[in-house]
Amino acid sequence: EKPAGDGGTINGGFFLLSPRVLDLIEGDDTTWEAEPME
């Protein structure tokens, strides 16, 4: 009954970040979970 998903680990939010990561964000159209995290 309701096993632990498919075994995959996902992004659960609750980040801790250096202000330097802001340099990886180009602008309003940037999705944090795409290019910056990649």
PDB file of all heavy atoms in Angstrom:
ATOM      1  N   GLU A   1       0.833  -1.201   0.000  1.00  0.00           N
ATOM      2  CA  GLU A   1       0.000   0.000   0.000  1.00  0.00           C
ATOM      3  C   GLU A   1       0.865   1.248   0.000  1.00  0.00           C
ATOM      4  O   GLU A   1       1.687   1.460   0.906  1.00  0.00           O
ATOM      5  CB  GLU A   1      -0.920   0.010   1.228  1.00  0.00           C
ATOM      6  CG  GLU A   1      -1.745   1.289   1.385  1.00  0.00           C
ATOM      7  CD  GLU A   1      -2.762   1.511   0.264  1.00  0.00           C
ATOM      8  OE1 GLU A   1      -2.973   0.576  -0.537  1.00  0.00           O
ATOM      9  OE2 GLU A   1      -3.331   2.603   0.202  1.00  0.00           O
ATOM     10  N   LYS A   2       0.740   2.063  -1.045  1.00  0.00           N
ATOM     11  CA  LYS A   2       1.455   3.331  -1.185  1.00  0.00           C
ATOM     12  C   LYS A   2       2.952   3.182  -0.912  1.00  0.00           C
ATOM     13  O   LYS A   2       3.470   3.668   0.095  1.00  0.00           O
ATOM     14  CB  LYS A   2       0.845   4.392  -0.262  1.00  0.00           C
ATOM     15  CG  LYS A   2      -0.590   4.738  -0.631  1.00  0.00           C
ATOM     16  CD  LYS A   2      -1.139   5.845   0.233  1.00  0.00           C
ATOM     17  CE  LYS A   2      -2.571   6.171  -0.173  1.00  0.00           C
ATOM     18  NZ  LYS A   2      -3.157   7.226   0.673  1.00  0.00           N
ATOM     19  N   PRO A   3       3.668   2.474  -1.786  1.00  0.00           N
ATOM     20  CA  PRO A   3       5.111   2.319  -1.606  1.00  0.00           C
ATOM     21  C   PRO A   3       5.833   3.637  -1.822  1.00  0.00           C
ATOM     22  O   PRO A   3       5.230   4.636  -2.217  1.00  0.00           O
ATOM     23  CB  PRO A   3       5.484   1.308  -2.698  1.00  0.00           C
ATOM     24  CG  PRO A   3       4.468   1.562  -3.776  1.00  0.00           C
ATOM     25  CD  PRO A   3       3.185   1.906  -3.049  1.00  0.00           C
ATOM     26  N   ALA A   4       7.124   3.636  -1.596  1.00  0.00           N
ATOM     27  CA  ALA A   4       7.922   4.861  -1.721  1.00  0.00           C
ATOM     28  C   ALA A   4       8.194   5.172  -3.184  1.00  0.00           C
ATOM     29  O   ALA A   4       9.297   5.028  -3.693  1.00  0.00           O
ATOM     30  CB  ALA A   4       9.230   4.712  -0.965  1.00  0.00           C
ATOM     31  N   GLY A   5       7.166   5.617  -3.877  1.00  0.00           N
ATOM     32  CA  GLY A   5       7.300   6.039  -5.262  1.00  0.00           C
ATOM     33  C   GLY A   5       7.887   4.958  -6.148  1.00  0.00           C
ATOM     34  O   GLY A   5       7.666   3.765  -5.951  1.00  0.00           O
ATOM     35  N   ASP A   6       8.649   5.382  -7.163  1.00  0.00           N
ATOM     36  CA  ASP A   6       9.266   4.430  -8.080  1.00  0.00           C
ATOM     37  C   ASP A   6      10.743   4.246  -7.766  1.00  0.00           C
ATOM     38  O   ASP A   6      11.498   3.712  -8.575  1.00  0.00           O
ATOM     39  CB  ASP A   6       9.091   4.904  -9.536  1.00  0.00           C
ATOM     40  CG  ASP A   6       9.739   6.270  -9.779  1.00  0.00           C
ATOM     41  OD1 ASP A   6      10.331   6.815  -8.824  1.00  0.00           O
ATOM     42  OD2 ASP A   6       9.653   6.767 -10.908  1.00  0.00           O
ATOM     43  N   GLY A   7      11.151   4.683  -6.591  1.00  0.00           N
ATOM     44  CA  GLY A   7      12.556   4.560  -6.211  1.00  0.00           C
ATOM     45  C   GLY A   7      13.387   5.767  -6.585  1.00  0.00           C
ATOM     46  O   GLY A   7      14.554   5.849  -6.235  1.00  0.00           O
ATOM     47  N   GLY A   8      12.772   6.716  -7.332  1.00  0.00           N
ATOM     48  CA  GLY A   8      13.503   7.884  -7.771  1.00  0.00           C
ATOM     49  C   GLY A   8      13.595   8.949  -6.696  1.00  0.00           C
ATOM     50  O   GLY A   8      12.717   9.086  -5.856  1.00  0.00           O
ATOM     51  N   THR A   9      14.691   9.704  -6.720  1.00  0.00           N
ATOM     52  CA  THR A   9      14.887  10.818  -5.801  1.00  0.00           C
ATOM     53  C   THR A   9      14.619  12.108  -6.556  1.00  0.00           C
ATOM     54  O   THR A   9      15.098  12.286  -7.673  1.00  0.00           O
ATOM     55  CB  THR A   9      16.324  10.818  -5.251  1.00  0.00           C
ATOM     56  OG1 THR A   9      16.565   9.581  -4.574  1.00  0.00           O
ATOM     57  CG2 THR A   9      16.535  11.958  -4.273  1.00  0.00           C
ATOM     58  N   ILE A  10      13.839  13.005  -5.961  1.00  0.00           N
ATOM     59  CA  ILE A  10      13.459  14.225  -6.656  1.00  0.00           C
ATOM     60  C   ILE A  10      13.819  15.461  -5.839  1.00  0.00           C
ATOM     61  O   ILE A  10      14.174  15.377  -4.660  1.00  0.00           O
ATOM     62  CB  ILE A  10      11.952  14.236  -6.971  1.00  0.00           C
ATOM     63  CG1 ILE A  10      11.126  14.336  -5.673  1.00  0.00           C
ATOM     64  CG2 ILE A  10      11.543  13.007  -7.770  1.00  0.00           C
ATOM     65  CD1 ILE A  10       9.664  14.611  -5.903  1.00  0.00           C
ATOM     66  N   ASN A  11      13.712  16.610  -6.487  1.00  0.00           N
ATOM     67  CA  ASN A  11      13.938  17.897  -5.856  1.00  0.00           C
ATOM     68  C   ASN A  11      12.793  18.190  -4.905  1.00  0.00           C
ATOM     69  O   ASN A  11      11.650  18.343  -5.315  1.00  0.00           O
ATOM     70  CB  ASN A  11      14.032  18.967  -6.961  1.00  0.00           C
ATOM     71  CG  ASN A  11      13.900  20.386  -6.436  1.00  0.00           C
ATOM     72  OD1 ASN A  11      14.094  20.653  -5.249  1.00  0.00           O
ATOM     73  ND2 ASN A  11      13.566  21.304  -7.331  1.00  0.00           N
ATOM     74  N   GLY A  12      13.106  18.292  -3.617  1.00  0.00           N
ATOM     75  CA  GLY A  12      12.091  18.576  -2.617  1.00  0.00           C
ATOM     76  C   GLY A  12      12.068  20.022  -2.168  1.00  0.00           C
ATOM     77  O   GLY A  12      11.429  20.353  -1.173  1.00  0.00           O
ATOM     78  N   GLY A  13      12.742  20.906  -2.930  1.00  0.00           N
ATOM     79  CA  GLY A  13      12.815  22.302  -2.494  1.00  0.00           C
ATOM     80  C   GLY A  13      13.750  22.434  -1.316  1.00  0.00           C
ATOM     81  O   GLY A  13      14.674  21.642  -1.144  1.00  0.00           O
ATOM     82  N   PHE A  14      13.564  23.433  -0.476  1.00  0.00           N
ATOM     83  CA  PHE A  14      14.399  23.684   0.700  1.00  0.00           C
ATOM     84  C   PHE A  14      15.884  23.659   0.307  1.00  0.00           C
ATOM     85  O   PHE A  14      16.634  22.764   0.665  1.00  0.00           O
ATOM     86  CB  PHE A  14      14.092  22.694   1.811  1.00  0.00           C
ATOM     87  CG  PHE A  14      12.709  22.856   2.378  1.00  0.00           C
ATOM     88  CD1 PHE A  14      11.662  22.060   1.936  1.00  0.00           C
ATOM     89  CD2 PHE A  14      12.447  23.833   3.324  1.00  0.00           C
ATOM     90  CE1 PHE A  14      10.381  22.220   2.433  1.00  0.00           C
ATOM     91  CE2 PHE A  14      11.160  24.012   3.831  1.00  0.00           C
ATOM     92  CZ  PHE A  14      10.125  23.196   3.377  1.00  0.00           C
ATOM     93  N   PHE A  15      16.259  24.672  -0.464  1.00  0.00           N
ATOM     94  CA  PHE A  15      17.640  24.849  -0.922  1.00  0.00           C
ATOM     95  C   PHE A  15      18.425  25.694   0.078  1.00  0.00           C
ATOM     96  O   PHE A  15      17.858  26.469   0.851  1.00  0.00           O
ATOM     97  CB  PHE A  15      17.658  25.607  -2.255  1.00  0.00           C
ATOM     98  CG  PHE A  15      17.025  24.898  -3.410  1.00  0.00           C
ATOM     99  CD1 PHE A  15      15.663  24.989  -3.642  1.00  0.00           C
ATOM    100  CD2 PHE A  15      17.793  24.152  -4.298  1.00  0.00           C
ATOM    101  CE1 PHE A  15      15.068  24.360  -4.720  1.00  0.00           C
ATOM    102  CE2 PHE A  15      17.215  23.516  -5.386  1.00  0.00           C
ATOM    103  CZ  PHE A  15      15.849  23.618  -5.591  1.00  0.00           C
ATOM    104  N   LEU A  16      19.733  25.576   0.009  1.00  0.00           N
ATOM    105  CA  LEU A  16      20.629  26.530   0.643  1.00  0.00           C
ATOM    106  C   LEU A  16      21.585  26.976  -0.445  1.00  0.00           C
ATOM    107  O   LEU A  16      22.240  26.146  -1.088  1.00  0.00           O
ATOM    108  CB  LEU A  16      21.373  25.904   1.824  1.00  0.00           C
ATOM    109  CG  LEU A  16      21.520  26.849   3.030  1.00  0.00           C
ATOM    110  CD1 LEU A  16      21.950  26.109   4.266  1.00  0.00           C
ATOM    111  CD2 LEU A  16      22.485  27.985   2.727  1.00  0.00           C
ATOM    112  N   LEU A  17      21.651  28.298  -0.686  1.00  0.00           N
ATOM    113  CA  LEU A  17      22.332  28.813  -1.868  1.00  0.00           C
ATOM    114  C   LEU A  17      23.315  29.921  -1.537  1.00  0.00           C
ATOM    115  O   LEU A  17      23.089  30.728  -0.629  1.00  0.00           O
ATOM    116  CB  LEU A  17      21.298  29.360  -2.867  1.00  0.00           C
ATOM    117  CG  LEU A  17      20.180  28.415  -3.303  1.00  0.00           C
ATOM    118  CD1 LEU A  17      19.164  29.165  -4.157  1.00  0.00           C
ATOM    119  CD2 LEU A  17      20.738  27.222  -4.052  1.00  0.00           C
ATOM    120  N   SER A  18      24.384  29.956  -2.312  1.00  0.00           N
ATOM    121  CA  SER A  18      25.290  31.095  -2.297  1.00  0.00           C
ATOM    122  C   SER A  18      24.726  32.178  -3.221  1.00  0.00           C
ATOM    123  O   SER A  18      24.151  31.848  -4.270  1.00  0.00           O
ATOM    124  CB  SER A  18      26.675  30.668  -2.802  1.00  0.00           C
ATOM    125  OG  SER A  18      27.439  31.798  -3.179  1.00  0.00           O
ATOM    126  N   PRO A  19      24.890  33.447  -2.881  1.00  0.00           N
ATOM    127  CA  PRO A  19      24.439  34.501  -3.789  1.00  0.00           C
ATOM    128  C   PRO A  19      25.076  34.406  -5.171  1.00  0.00           C
ATOM    129  O   PRO A  19      24.533  34.946  -6.145  1.00  0.00           O
ATOM    130  CB  PRO A  19      24.850  35.794  -3.074  1.00  0.00           C
ATOM    131  CG  PRO A  19      24.987  35.422  -1.644  1.00  0.00           C
ATOM    132  CD  PRO A  19      25.455  33.995  -1.639  1.00  0.00           C
ATOM    133  N   ARG A  20      26.184  33.687  -5.290  1.00  0.00           N
ATOM    134  CA  ARG A  20      26.868  33.554  -6.583  1.00  0.00           C
ATOM    135  C   ARG A  20      26.042  32.778  -7.596  1.00  0.00           C
ATOM    136  O   ARG A  20      26.278  32.887  -8.810  1.00  0.00           O
ATOM    137  CB  ARG A  20      28.229  32.874  -6.370  1.00  0.00           C
ATOM    138  CG  ARG A  20      29.235  33.761  -5.634  1.00  0.00           C
ATOM    139  CD  ARG A  20      30.402  32.959  -5.081  1.00  0.00           C
ATOM    140  NE  ARG A  20      31.101  32.217  -6.114  1.00  0.00           N
ATOM    141  CZ  ARG A  20      32.006  31.265  -5.860  1.00  0.00           C
ATOM    142  NH1 ARG A  20      32.295  30.955  -4.591  1.00  0.00           N
ATOM    143  NH2 ARG A  20      32.598  30.653  -6.852  1.00  0.00           N
ATOM    144  N   VAL A  21      25.043  32.022  -7.136  1.00  0.00           N
ATOM    145  CA  VAL A  21      24.223  31.276  -8.104  1.00  0.00           C
ATOM    146  C   VAL A  21      23.379  32.225  -8.950  1.00  0.00           C
ATOM    147  O   VAL A  21      22.921  31.841 -10.037  1.00  0.00           O
ATOM    148  CB  VAL A  21      23.304  30.248  -7.400  1.00  0.00           C
ATOM    149  CG1 VAL A  21      24.115  29.289  -6.544  1.00  0.00           C
ATOM    150  CG2 VAL A  21      22.208  30.924  -6.585  1.00  0.00           C
ATOM    151  N   LEU A  22      23.163  33.454  -8.466  1.00  0.00           N
ATOM    152  CA  LEU A  22      22.366  34.407  -9.239  1.00  0.00           C
ATOM    153  C   LEU A  22      23.029  34.746 -10.568  1.00  0.00           C
ATOM    154  O   LEU A  22      22.350  35.125 -11.530  1.00  0.00           O
ATOM    155  CB  LEU A  22      22.136  35.675  -8.426  1.00  0.00           C
ATOM    156  CG  LEU A  22      21.421  35.513  -7.075  1.00  0.00           C
ATOM    157  CD1 LEU A  22      21.263  36.857  -6.391  1.00  0.00           C
ATOM    158  CD2 LEU A  22      20.073  34.839  -7.248  1.00  0.00           C
ATOM    159  N   ASP A  23      24.358  34.594 -10.638  1.00  0.00           N
ATOM    160  CA  ASP A  23      25.077  34.861 -11.883  1.00  0.00           C
ATOM    161  C   ASP A  23      24.732  33.843 -12.974  1.00  0.00           C
ATOM    162  O   ASP A  23      24.992  34.082 -14.159  1.00  0.00           O
ATOM    163  CB  ASP A  23      26.586  34.845 -11.643  1.00  0.00           C
ATOM    164  CG  ASP A  23      27.038  35.960 -10.702  1.00  0.00           C
ATOM    165  OD1 ASP A  23      26.327  36.987 -10.621  1.00  0.00           O
ATOM    166  OD2 ASP A  23      28.084  35.792 -10.049  1.00  0.00           O
ATOM    167  N   LEU A  24      24.171  32.705 -12.595  1.00  0.00           N
ATOM    168  CA  LEU A  24      23.812  31.670 -13.555  1.00  0.00           C
ATOM    169  C   LEU A  24      22.419  31.877 -14.146  1.00  0.00           C
ATOM    170  O   LEU A  24      21.996  31.118 -15.022  1.00  0.00           O
ATOM    171  CB  LEU A  24      23.859  30.289 -12.884  1.00  0.00           C
ATOM    172  CG  LEU A  24      25.168  29.915 -12.180  1.00  0.00           C
ATOM    173  CD1 LEU A  24      25.036  28.543 -11.528  1.00  0.00           C
ATOM    174  CD2 LEU A  24      26.331  29.942 -13.160  1.00  0.00           C
ATOM    175  N   ILE A  25      21.711  32.877 -13.648  1.00  0.00           N
ATOM    176  CA  ILE A  25      20.342  33.139 -14.095  1.00  0.00           C
ATOM    177  C   ILE A  25      20.355  34.305 -15.074  1.00  0.00           C
ATOM    178  O   ILE A  25      20.749  35.419 -14.728  1.00  0.00           O
ATOM    179  CB  ILE A  25      19.430  33.461 -12.897  1.00  0.00           C
ATOM    180  CG1 ILE A  25      19.447  32.298 -11.889  1.00  0.00           C
ATOM    181  CG2 ILE A  25      18.008  33.756 -13.354  1.00  0.00           C
ATOM    182  CD1 ILE A  25      18.750  32.612 -10.569  1.00  0.00           C
ATOM    183  N   GLU A  26      19.920  34.061 -16.310  1.00  0.00           N
ATOM    184  CA  GLU A  26      19.981  35.098 -17.335  1.00  0.00           C
ATOM    185  C   GLU A  26      18.929  36.182 -17.141  1.00  0.00           C
ATOM    186  O   GLU A  26      19.214  37.364 -17.283  1.00  0.00           O
ATOM    187  CB  GLU A  26      19.834  34.473 -18.726  1.00  0.00           C
ATOM    188  CG  GLU A  26      21.031  33.633 -19.145  1.00  0.00           C
ATOM    189  CD  GLU A  26      20.952  33.208 -20.587  1.00  0.00           C
ATOM    190  OE1 GLU A  26      20.043  33.688 -21.300  1.00  0.00           O
ATOM    191  OE2 GLU A  26      21.792  32.394 -21.012  1.00  0.00           O
ATOM    192  N   GLY A  27      17.683  35.781 -16.858  1.00  0.00           N
ATOM    193  CA  GLY A  27      16.639  36.788 -16.739  1.00  0.00           C
ATOM    194  C   GLY A  27      15.307  36.180 -16.370  1.00  0.00           C
ATOM    195  O   GLY A  27      15.227  35.052 -15.879  1.00  0.00           O
ATOM    196  N   ASP A  28      14.235  36.922 -16.638  1.00  0.00           N
ATOM    197  CA  ASP A  28      12.897  36.518 -16.213  1.00  0.00           C
ATOM    198  C   ASP A  28      12.459  35.174 -16.782  1.00  0.00           C
ATOM    199  O   ASP A  28      11.656  34.466 -16.160  1.00  0.00           O
ATOM    200  CB  ASP A  28      11.871  37.580 -16.632  1.00  0.00           C
ATOM    201  CG  ASP A  28      11.946  38.830 -15.762  1.00  0.00           C
ATOM    202  OD1 ASP A  28      12.703  38.828 -14.777  1.00  0.00           O
ATOM    203  OD2 ASP A  28      11.235  39.802 -16.081  1.00  0.00           O
ATOM    204  N   ASP A  29      12.937  34.811 -17.962  1.00  0.00           N
ATOM    205  CA  ASP A  29      12.491  33.579 -18.613  1.00  0.00           C
ATOM    206  C   ASP A  29      13.271  32.341 -18.175  1.00  0.00           C
ATOM    207  O   ASP A  29      13.026  31.242 -18.677  1.00  0.00           O
ATOM    208  CB  ASP A  29      12.592  33.724 -20.139  1.00  0.00           C
ATOM    209  CG  ASP A  29      11.626  34.770 -20.683  1.00  0.00           C
ATOM    210  OD1 ASP A  29      10.573  34.979 -20.045  1.00  0.00           O
ATOM    211  OD2 ASP A  29      11.927  35.373 -21.729  1.00  0.00           O
ATOM    212  N   THR A  30      14.191  32.509 -17.251  1.00  0.00           N
ATOM    213  CA  THR A  30      15.014  31.388 -16.801  1.00  0.00           C
ATOM    214  C   THR A  30      14.303  30.588 -15.716  1.00  0.00           C
ATOM    215  O   THR A  30      13.873  31.143 -14.710  1.00  0.00           O
ATOM    216  CB  THR A  30      16.364  31.872 -16.261  1.00  0.00           C
ATOM    217  OG1 THR A  30      17.045  32.618 -17.262  1.00  0.00           O
ATOM    218  CG2 THR A  30      17.229  30.692 -15.834  1.00  0.00           C
ATOM    219  N   THR A  31      14.184  29.294 -15.951  1.00  0.00           N
ATOM    220  CA  THR A  31      13.625  28.387 -14.947  1.00  0.00           C
ATOM    221  C   THR A  31      14.768  27.868 -14.081  1.00  0.00           C
ATOM    222  O   THR A  31      15.723  27.282 -14.592  1.00  0.00           O
ATOM    223  CB  THR A  31      12.895  27.214 -15.622  1.00  0.00           C
ATOM    224  OG1 THR A  31      11.848  27.724 -16.450  1.00  0.00           O
ATOM    225  CG2 THR A  31      12.310  26.255 -14.591  1.00  0.00           C
ATOM    226  N   TRP A  32      14.677  28.087 -12.783  1.00  0.00           N
ATOM    227  CA  TRP A  32      15.746  27.699 -11.867  1.00  0.00           C
ATOM    228  C   TRP A  32      16.082  26.218 -11.989  1.00  0.00           C
ATOM    229  O   TRP A  32      17.241  25.822 -11.953  1.00  0.00           O
ATOM    230  CB  TRP A  32      15.346  28.037 -10.438  1.00  0.00           C
ATOM    231  CG  TRP A  32      16.188  27.388  -9.382  1.00  0.00           C
ATOM    232  CD1 TRP A  32      15.835  26.403  -8.525  1.00  0.00           C
ATOM    233  CD2 TRP A  32      17.569  27.686  -9.092  1.00  0.00           C
ATOM    234  NE1 TRP A  32      16.880  26.059  -7.708  1.00  0.00           N
ATOM    235  CE2 TRP A  32      17.964  26.836  -8.039  1.00  0.00           C
ATOM    236  CE3 TRP A  32      18.490  28.599  -9.623  1.00  0.00           C
ATOM    237  CZ2 TRP A  32      19.237  26.866  -7.503  1.00  0.00           C
ATOM    238  CZ3 TRP A  32      19.776  28.623  -9.086  1.00  0.00           C
ATOM    239  CH2 TRP A  32      20.146  27.765  -8.050  1.00  0.00           C
ATOM    240  N   GLU A  33      15.051  25.381 -12.177  1.00  0.00           N
ATOM    241  CA  GLU A  33      15.231  23.932 -12.194  1.00  0.00           C
ATOM    242  C   GLU A  33      15.820  23.431 -13.513  1.00  0.00           C
ATOM    243  O   GLU A  33      16.088  22.238 -13.652  1.00  0.00           O
ATOM    244  CB  GLU A  33      13.894  23.239 -11.931  1.00  0.00           C
ATOM    245  CG  GLU A  33      13.257  23.587 -10.599  1.00  0.00           C
ATOM    246  CD  GLU A  33      12.566  24.940 -10.586  1.00  0.00           C
ATOM    247  OE1 GLU A  33      12.355  25.529 -11.682  1.00  0.00           O
ATOM    248  OE2 GLU A  33      12.263  25.425  -9.480  1.00  0.00           O
ATOM    249  N   ALA A  34      16.013  24.308 -14.485  1.00  0.00           N
ATOM    250  CA  ALA A  34      16.587  23.913 -15.773  1.00  0.00           C
ATOM    251  C   ALA A  34      18.071  24.274 -15.827  1.00  0.00           C
ATOM    252  O   ALA A  34      18.880  23.700 -15.100  1.00  0.00           O
ATOM    253  CB  ALA A  34      15.795  24.556 -16.916  1.00  0.00           C
ATOM    254  N   GLU A  35      18.448  25.238 -16.642  1.00  0.00           N
ATOM    255  CA  GLU A  35      19.857  25.525 -16.877  1.00  0.00           C
ATOM    256  C   GLU A  35      20.672  25.837 -15.627  1.00  0.00           C
ATOM    257  O   GLU A  35      21.767  25.284 -15.452  1.00  0.00           O
ATOM    258  CB  GLU A  35      19.989  26.665 -17.895  1.00  0.00           C
ATOM    259  CG  GLU A  35      21.424  27.125 -18.157  1.00  0.00           C
ATOM    260  CD  GLU A  35      22.353  26.006 -18.642  1.00  0.00           C
ATOM    261  OE1 GLU A  35      21.847  25.030 -19.253  1.00  0.00           O
ATOM    262  OE2 GLU A  35      23.566  26.090 -18.405  1.00  0.00           O
ATOM    263  N   PRO A  36      20.210  26.686 -14.692  1.00  0.00           N
ATOM    264  CA  PRO A  36      21.049  26.958 -13.520  1.00  0.00           C
ATOM    265  C   PRO A  36      21.376  25.706 -12.708  1.00  0.00           C
ATOM    266  O   PRO A  36      22.544  25.463 -12.374  1.00  0.00           O
ATOM    267  CB  PRO A  36      20.208  27.953 -12.711  1.00  0.00           C
ATOM    268  CG  PRO A  36      19.366  28.636 -13.729  1.00  0.00           C
ATOM    269  CD  PRO A  36      19.012  27.571 -14.718  1.00  0.00           C
ATOM    270  N   MET A  37      20.362  24.884 -12.393  1.00  0.00           N
ATOM    271  CA  MET A  37      20.632  23.675 -11.619  1.00  0.00           C
ATOM    272  C   MET A  37      21.429  22.660 -12.425  1.00  0.00           C
ATOM    273  O   MET A  37      22.312  21.978 -11.889  1.00  0.00           O
ATOM    274  CB  MET A  37      19.318  23.059 -11.125  1.00  0.00           C
ATOM    275  CG  MET A  37      18.707  23.792  -9.945  1.00  0.00           C
ATOM    276  SD  MET A  37      17.321  22.900  -9.186  1.00  0.00           S
ATOM    277  CE  MET A  37      18.172  21.468  -8.480  1.00  0.00           C
ATOM    278  N   GLU A  38      21.138  22.565 -13.710  1.00  0.00           N
ATOM    279  CA  GLU A  38      21.883  21.635 -14.564  1.00  0.00           C
ATOM    280  C   GLU A  38      23.353  22.031 -14.636  1.00  0.00           C
ATOM    281  O   GLU A  38      24.244  21.181 -14.599  1.00  0.00           O
ATOM    282  CB  GLU A  38      21.260  21.604 -15.961  1.00  0.00           C
ATOM    283  CG  GLU A  38      19.879  20.967 -16.000  1.00  0.00           C
ATOM    284  CD  GLU A  38      19.166  21.180 -17.317  1.00  0.00           C
ATOM    285  OE1 GLU A  38      19.776  21.796 -18.233  1.00  0.00           O
ATOM    286  OE2 GLU A  38      18.008  20.762 -17.444  1.00  0.00           O
TER     287      GLU A  38
END
